[in-house]
Each structure stands twice: as C-alpha cells, then as structure tokens.
Amino acid sequence: MKKTYTNKEAEAIEFLKSIGYQFNPKERHFFPCKKEITETYPLDFLKERLFYNDMLLQEPLEKDIIDTFFHYLHNAVNTTKSTIRVNGEEKPKAVVISVLLKLNYFDFLYTVQKYKQNTTKVNNHSAYIITLLYNAKAQHEADIANQVQHDLYGLKD
C-alpha cells in the first residue's frame, strides 16, 4: 500500500531534499546525502602558488588579514555559482577565476595594503575583497607607472 502524505509532510520532504537530504519512503527516514565535494583549486595550491610562507616572513603581523584574503580567494575560485560579483556587477565565473589565478605575490600583498588603507565602511567584505583582488594587477601596475612618472618628471628645479 502506497502511503500518501499531507501537504505539510510533502512540503517538508521537498524542503529537506532541497538542502541535501535523501528520504527513504519505506522507513520514513531522512539521511544526509554523501556528496563528495571536490575543490578545483585547493587552499594549499593557492598558498604555494602565491608564496604564502614568504608573505608571513615578510609581514608576520599581517597573518590574520592575509589568511582572510586567502579564505575569500579560495571561496571565489571554487564557487559553484555561474557568476561572481565584481565591481558591483555579476561577471562570468570563468572570467573572474582566470583573472584571480593570474595574481602574483606582489599583487596579493598590494591588495592587502590597499585594504588596510581604506577608511570607509565596508558593508560586504566578500565582494569588496574579491573586487580588490580582481583589480589588483592592473591597479598595481598603474600605481607603479604613476609613481615612476612622479619621481622622474614631477619635481621641477
């Protein structure tokens, strides 16, 4: 005999299924799905690629903020969403990940310094940090070019 469910029971079953539970109708029992989550870019890979240990040697007092930036970077490059919010707009995940993976040691530390120099209130730290990282390479290069221009041509005798 097939068991019929009330609306509330059916809604509860659908909700639990939507958050990753499986339902065994014979035993009327829920159990968590054992989905194997694989990350494309493990945290150790990112830390090795960006010379995390060297960062800590150079900036030992900044360990917490460096770890925070690695956390957001790791989440961004391993997201399951199809888009990532950067500069206030949704960009395709592949584009953002491509840019983030081109960062180097200096770009990463530059971003940490820029974050520390910010004096305005940040409401969405995740989006702000991802935007900083996304723009880091271009902005870092522009700042260096500007500094060279200033140093070579800015002072008049």
C-alpha atoms as a PDB file:
ATOM      1  CA  MET A   1       0.000   0.000   0.000  1.00  0.00           C
ATOM      2  CA  LYS A   2       1.387   3.370  -1.042  1.00  0.00           C
ATOM      3  CA  LYS A   3       1.495   5.999   1.667  1.00  0.00           C
ATOM      4  CA  THR A   4       0.083   9.409   0.792  1.00  0.00           C
ATOM      5  CA  TYR A   5       1.370  12.497   2.521  1.00  0.00           C
ATOM      6  CA  THR A   6      -0.354  15.631   3.679  1.00  0.00           C
ATOM      7  CA  ASN A   7       0.625  18.937   2.091  1.00  0.00           C
ATOM      8  CA  LYS A   8       2.793  19.837   5.078  1.00  0.00           C
ATOM      9  CA  GLU A   9       4.554  16.470   5.015  1.00  0.00           C
ATOM     10  CA  ALA A  10       5.140  16.754   1.273  1.00  0.00           C
ATOM     11  CA  GLU A  11       6.484  20.300   1.674  1.00  0.00           C
ATOM     12  CA  ALA A  12       8.804  19.167   4.471  1.00  0.00           C
ATOM     13  CA  ILE A  13      10.081  16.280   2.358  1.00  0.00           C
ATOM     14  CA  GLU A  14      10.739  18.587  -0.608  1.00  0.00           C
ATOM     15  CA  PHE A  15      12.492  21.119   1.623  1.00  0.00           C
ATOM     16  CA  LEU A  16      14.779  18.516   3.167  1.00  0.00           C
ATOM     17  CA  LYS A  17      15.582  17.147  -0.295  1.00  0.00           C
ATOM     18  CA  SER A  18      16.444  20.669  -1.469  1.00  0.00           C
ATOM     19  CA  ILE A  19      19.029  21.097   1.296  1.00  0.00           C
ATOM     20  CA  GLY A  20      20.757  17.812   0.617  1.00  0.00           C
ATOM     21  CA  TYR A  21      18.842  15.113   2.453  1.00  0.00           C
ATOM     22  CA  GLN A  22      17.527  11.912   0.963  1.00  0.00           C
ATOM     23  CA  PHE A  23      14.255  10.369   2.042  1.00  0.00           C
ATOM     24  CA  ASN A  24      13.696   6.651   2.449  1.00  0.00           C
ATOM     25  CA  PRO A  25       9.923   6.302   1.995  1.00  0.00           C
ATOM     26  CA  LYS A  26       9.796   2.699   3.248  1.00  0.00           C
ATOM     27  CA  GLU A  27      11.229   3.604   6.620  1.00  0.00           C
ATOM     28  CA  ARG A  28      10.019   7.224   6.548  1.00  0.00           C
ATOM     29  CA  HIS A  29      13.536   8.272   7.429  1.00  0.00           C
ATOM     30  CA  PHE A  30      15.779  11.132   6.258  1.00  0.00           C
ATOM     31  CA  PHE A  31      19.531  10.889   5.965  1.00  0.00           C
ATOM     32  CA  PRO A  32      22.186  13.285   4.641  1.00  0.00           C
ATOM     33  CA  CYS A  33      23.395  12.778   1.096  1.00  0.00           C
ATOM     34  CA  LYS A  34      27.006  11.809   0.867  1.00  0.00           C
ATOM     35  CA  LYS A  35      28.020  14.080  -1.949  1.00  0.00           C
ATOM     36  CA  GLU A  36      31.721  14.227  -2.453  1.00  0.00           C
ATOM     37  CA  ILE A  37      32.763  17.822  -2.736  1.00  0.00           C
ATOM     38  CA  THR A  38      35.861  18.388  -4.770  1.00  0.00           C
ATOM     39  CA  GLU A  39      37.618  21.678  -4.999  1.00  0.00           C
ATOM     40  CA  THR A  40      39.261  22.672  -8.223  1.00  0.00           C
ATOM     41  CA  TYR A  41      41.867  24.864  -6.537  1.00  0.00           C
ATOM     42  CA  PRO A  42      42.745  23.627  -3.030  1.00  0.00           C
ATOM     43  CA  LEU A  43      43.871  26.171  -0.457  1.00  0.00           C
ATOM     44  CA  ASP A  44      47.334  24.577  -0.293  1.00  0.00           C
ATOM     45  CA  PHE A  45      47.709  25.025  -4.057  1.00  0.00           C
ATOM     46  CA  LEU A  46      46.825  28.730  -3.805  1.00  0.00           C
ATOM     47  CA  LYS A  47      49.146  29.277  -0.855  1.00  0.00           C
ATOM     48  CA  GLU A  48      52.038  27.565  -2.616  1.00  0.00           C
ATOM     49  CA  ARG A  49      51.398  29.443  -5.863  1.00  0.00           C
ATOM     50  CA  LEU A  50      51.364  32.837  -4.103  1.00  0.00           C
ATOM     51  CA  PHE A  51      54.239  32.040  -1.701  1.00  0.00           C
ATOM     52  CA  TYR A  52      52.154  32.263   1.457  1.00  0.00           C
ATOM     53  CA  ASN A  53      55.051  31.329   3.743  1.00  0.00           C
ATOM     54  CA  ASP A  54      57.189  34.105   2.275  1.00  0.00           C
ATOM     55  CA  MET A  55      54.348  36.563   2.874  1.00  0.00           C
ATOM     56  CA  LEU A  56      54.273  35.596   6.516  1.00  0.00           C
ATOM     57  CA  LEU A  57      58.048  36.023   6.765  1.00  0.00           C
ATOM     58  CA  GLN A  58      57.829  39.485   5.211  1.00  0.00           C
ATOM     59  CA  GLU A  59      54.631  40.556   7.014  1.00  0.00           C
ATOM     60  CA  PRO A  60      54.400  38.468  10.227  1.00  0.00           C
ATOM     61  CA  LEU A  61      51.961  40.853  11.910  1.00  0.00           C
ATOM     62  CA  GLU A  62      49.546  40.598   8.978  1.00  0.00           C
ATOM     63  CA  LYS A  63      48.897  36.841   9.241  1.00  0.00           C
ATOM     64  CA  ASP A  64      45.207  37.244  10.127  1.00  0.00           C
ATOM     65  CA  ILE A  65      44.368  39.567   7.253  1.00  0.00           C
ATOM     66  CA  ILE A  66      46.451  37.512   4.788  1.00  0.00           C
ATOM     67  CA  ASP A  67      44.575  34.400   5.904  1.00  0.00           C
ATOM     68  CA  THR A  68      41.279  36.260   5.432  1.00  0.00           C
ATOM     69  CA  PHE A  69      42.223  37.203   1.875  1.00  0.00           C
ATOM     70  CA  PHE A  70      43.208  33.610   1.115  1.00  0.00           C
ATOM     71  CA  HIS A  71      39.849  32.477   2.502  1.00  0.00           C
ATOM     72  CA  TYR A  72      37.936  34.776   0.134  1.00  0.00           C
ATOM     73  CA  LEU A  73      40.205  33.906  -2.803  1.00  0.00           C
ATOM     74  CA  HIS A  74      39.736  30.185  -2.154  1.00  0.00           C
ATOM     75  CA  ASN A  75      35.954  30.569  -1.962  1.00  0.00           C
ATOM     76  CA  ALA A  76      35.836  32.606  -5.171  1.00  0.00           C
ATOM     77  CA  VAL A  77      37.898  30.241  -7.310  1.00  0.00           C
ATOM     78  CA  ASN A  78      35.956  27.218  -6.053  1.00  0.00           C
ATOM     79  CA  THR A  79      32.455  28.669  -6.245  1.00  0.00           C
ATOM     80  CA  THR A  80      29.646  26.654  -7.755  1.00  0.00           C
ATOM     81  CA  LYS A  81      27.803  29.808  -8.851  1.00  0.00           C
ATOM     82  CA  SER A  82      27.828  30.718 -12.528  1.00  0.00           C
ATOM     83  CA  THR A  83      28.704  34.365 -11.810  1.00  0.00           C
ATOM     84  CA  ILE A  84      30.768  36.285  -9.274  1.00  0.00           C
ATOM     85  CA  ARG A  85      30.044  39.852  -8.175  1.00  0.00           C
ATOM     86  CA  VAL A  86      32.915  42.197  -9.048  1.00  0.00           C
ATOM     87  CA  ASN A  87      32.871  46.000  -9.277  1.00  0.00           C
ATOM     88  CA  GLY A  88      29.158  45.933  -8.441  1.00  0.00           C
ATOM     89  CA  GLU A  89      28.155  43.686 -11.329  1.00  0.00           C
ATOM     90  CA  GLU A  90      27.870  39.975 -11.997  1.00  0.00           C
ATOM     91  CA  LYS A  91      30.701  38.629 -14.151  1.00  0.00           C
ATOM     92  CA  PRO A  92      31.054  35.109 -15.561  1.00  0.00           C
ATOM     93  CA  LYS A  93      32.782  32.807 -13.111  1.00  0.00           C
ATOM     94  CA  ALA A  94      35.397  31.664 -15.648  1.00  0.00           C
ATOM     95  CA  VAL A  95      36.498  35.243 -16.365  1.00  0.00           C
ATOM     96  CA  VAL A  96      36.873  36.147 -12.696  1.00  0.00           C
ATOM     97  CA  ILE A  97      38.724  32.936 -11.844  1.00  0.00           C
ATOM     98  CA  SER A  98      41.075  33.477 -14.784  1.00  0.00           C
ATOM     99  CA  VAL A  99      41.970  36.966 -13.551  1.00  0.00           C
ATOM    100  CA  LEU A 100      42.353  35.841  -9.916  1.00  0.00           C
ATOM    101  CA  LEU A 101      44.676  32.987 -10.859  1.00  0.00           C
ATOM    102  CA  LYS A 102      46.987  35.446 -12.639  1.00  0.00           C
ATOM    103  CA  LEU A 103      47.727  37.269  -9.395  1.00  0.00           C
ATOM    104  CA  ASN A 104      51.252  37.060  -8.076  1.00  0.00           C
ATOM    105  CA  TYR A 105      52.869  37.536  -4.686  1.00  0.00           C
ATOM    106  CA  PHE A 106      53.261  41.302  -5.104  1.00  0.00           C
ATOM    107  CA  ASP A 107      49.718  41.832  -6.375  1.00  0.00           C
ATOM    108  CA  PHE A 108      48.339  39.922  -3.400  1.00  0.00           C
ATOM    109  CA  LEU A 109      50.330  41.928  -0.831  1.00  0.00           C
ATOM    110  CA  TYR A 110      49.438  45.136  -2.666  1.00  0.00           C
ATOM    111  CA  THR A 111      45.761  44.248  -2.236  1.00  0.00           C
ATOM    112  CA  VAL A 112      46.211  43.646   1.482  1.00  0.00           C
ATOM    113  CA  GLN A 113      47.892  47.055   1.821  1.00  0.00           C
ATOM    114  CA  LYS A 114      45.079  48.749  -0.150  1.00  0.00           C
ATOM    115  CA  TYR A 115      42.504  47.119   2.115  1.00  0.00           C
ATOM    116  CA  LYS A 116      44.313  48.357   5.207  1.00  0.00           C
ATOM    117  CA  GLN A 117      44.490  51.907   3.787  1.00  0.00           C
ATOM    118  CA  ASN A 118      40.724  52.049   3.230  1.00  0.00           C
ATOM    119  CA  THR A 119      38.990  54.307   5.739  1.00  0.00           C
ATOM    120  CA  THR A 120      35.420  53.944   4.505  1.00  0.00           C
ATOM    121  CA  LYS A 121      32.914  51.470   5.940  1.00  0.00           C
ATOM    122  CA  VAL A 122      32.732  48.214   4.010  1.00  0.00           C
ATOM    123  CA  ASN A 123      29.328  46.531   4.124  1.00  0.00           C
ATOM    124  CA  ASN A 124      30.082  43.443   2.047  1.00  0.00           C
ATOM    125  CA  HIS A 125      33.644  42.332   2.798  1.00  0.00           C
ATOM    126  CA  SER A 126      33.489  39.359   0.470  1.00  0.00           C
ATOM    127  CA  ALA A 127      32.512  41.396  -2.599  1.00  0.00           C
ATOM    128  CA  TYR A 128      34.930  44.184  -1.669  1.00  0.00           C
ATOM    129  CA  ILE A 129      37.913  41.858  -1.221  1.00  0.00           C
ATOM    130  CA  ILE A 130      37.142  39.936  -4.425  1.00  0.00           C
ATOM    131  CA  THR A 131      36.893  43.271  -6.274  1.00  0.00           C
ATOM    132  CA  LEU A 132      40.238  44.377  -4.820  1.00  0.00           C
ATOM    133  CA  LEU A 133      41.851  41.110  -5.873  1.00  0.00           C
ATOM    134  CA  TYR A 134      40.240  41.247  -9.322  1.00  0.00           C
ATOM    135  CA  ASN A 135      41.560  44.773  -9.948  1.00  0.00           C
ATOM    136  CA  ALA A 136      44.896  44.277  -8.184  1.00  0.00           C
ATOM    137  CA  LYS A 137      47.171  43.521 -11.138  1.00  0.00           C
ATOM    138  CA  ALA A 138      46.021  46.437 -13.296  1.00  0.00           C
ATOM    139  CA  GLN A 139      45.849  48.884 -10.410  1.00  0.00           C
ATOM    140  CA  HIS A 140      49.235  47.842  -9.045  1.00  0.00           C
ATOM    141  CA  GLU A 141      50.859  48.363 -12.448  1.00  0.00           C
ATOM    142  CA  ALA A 142      49.127  51.739 -12.848  1.00  0.00           C
ATOM    143  CA  ASP A 143      50.279  52.862  -9.388  1.00  0.00           C
ATOM    144  CA  ILE A 144      53.879  51.892 -10.185  1.00  0.00           C
ATOM    145  CA  ALA A 145      53.773  53.747 -13.513  1.00  0.00           C
ATOM    146  CA  ASN A 146      52.290  56.782 -11.774  1.00  0.00           C
ATOM    147  CA  GLN A 147      54.987  56.705  -9.078  1.00  0.00           C
ATOM    148  CA  VAL A 148      57.749  56.493 -11.709  1.00  0.00           C
ATOM    149  CA  GLN A 149      56.229  59.416 -13.626  1.00  0.00           C
ATOM    150  CA  HIS A 150      56.001  61.416 -10.432  1.00  0.00           C
ATOM    151  CA  ASP A 151      59.563  60.632  -9.354  1.00  0.00           C
ATOM    152  CA  LEU A 152      61.124  61.313 -12.762  1.00  0.00           C
ATOM    153  CA  TYR A 153      59.078  64.240 -14.008  1.00  0.00           C
ATOM    154  CA  GLY A 154      57.097  65.550 -11.059  1.00  0.00           C
ATOM    155  CA  LEU A 155      59.797  67.657  -9.458  1.00  0.00           C
ATOM    156  CA  LYS A 156      60.819  70.817 -11.297  1.00  0.00           C
ATOM    157  CA  ASP A 157      64.056  72.624 -10.419  1.00  0.00           C
END
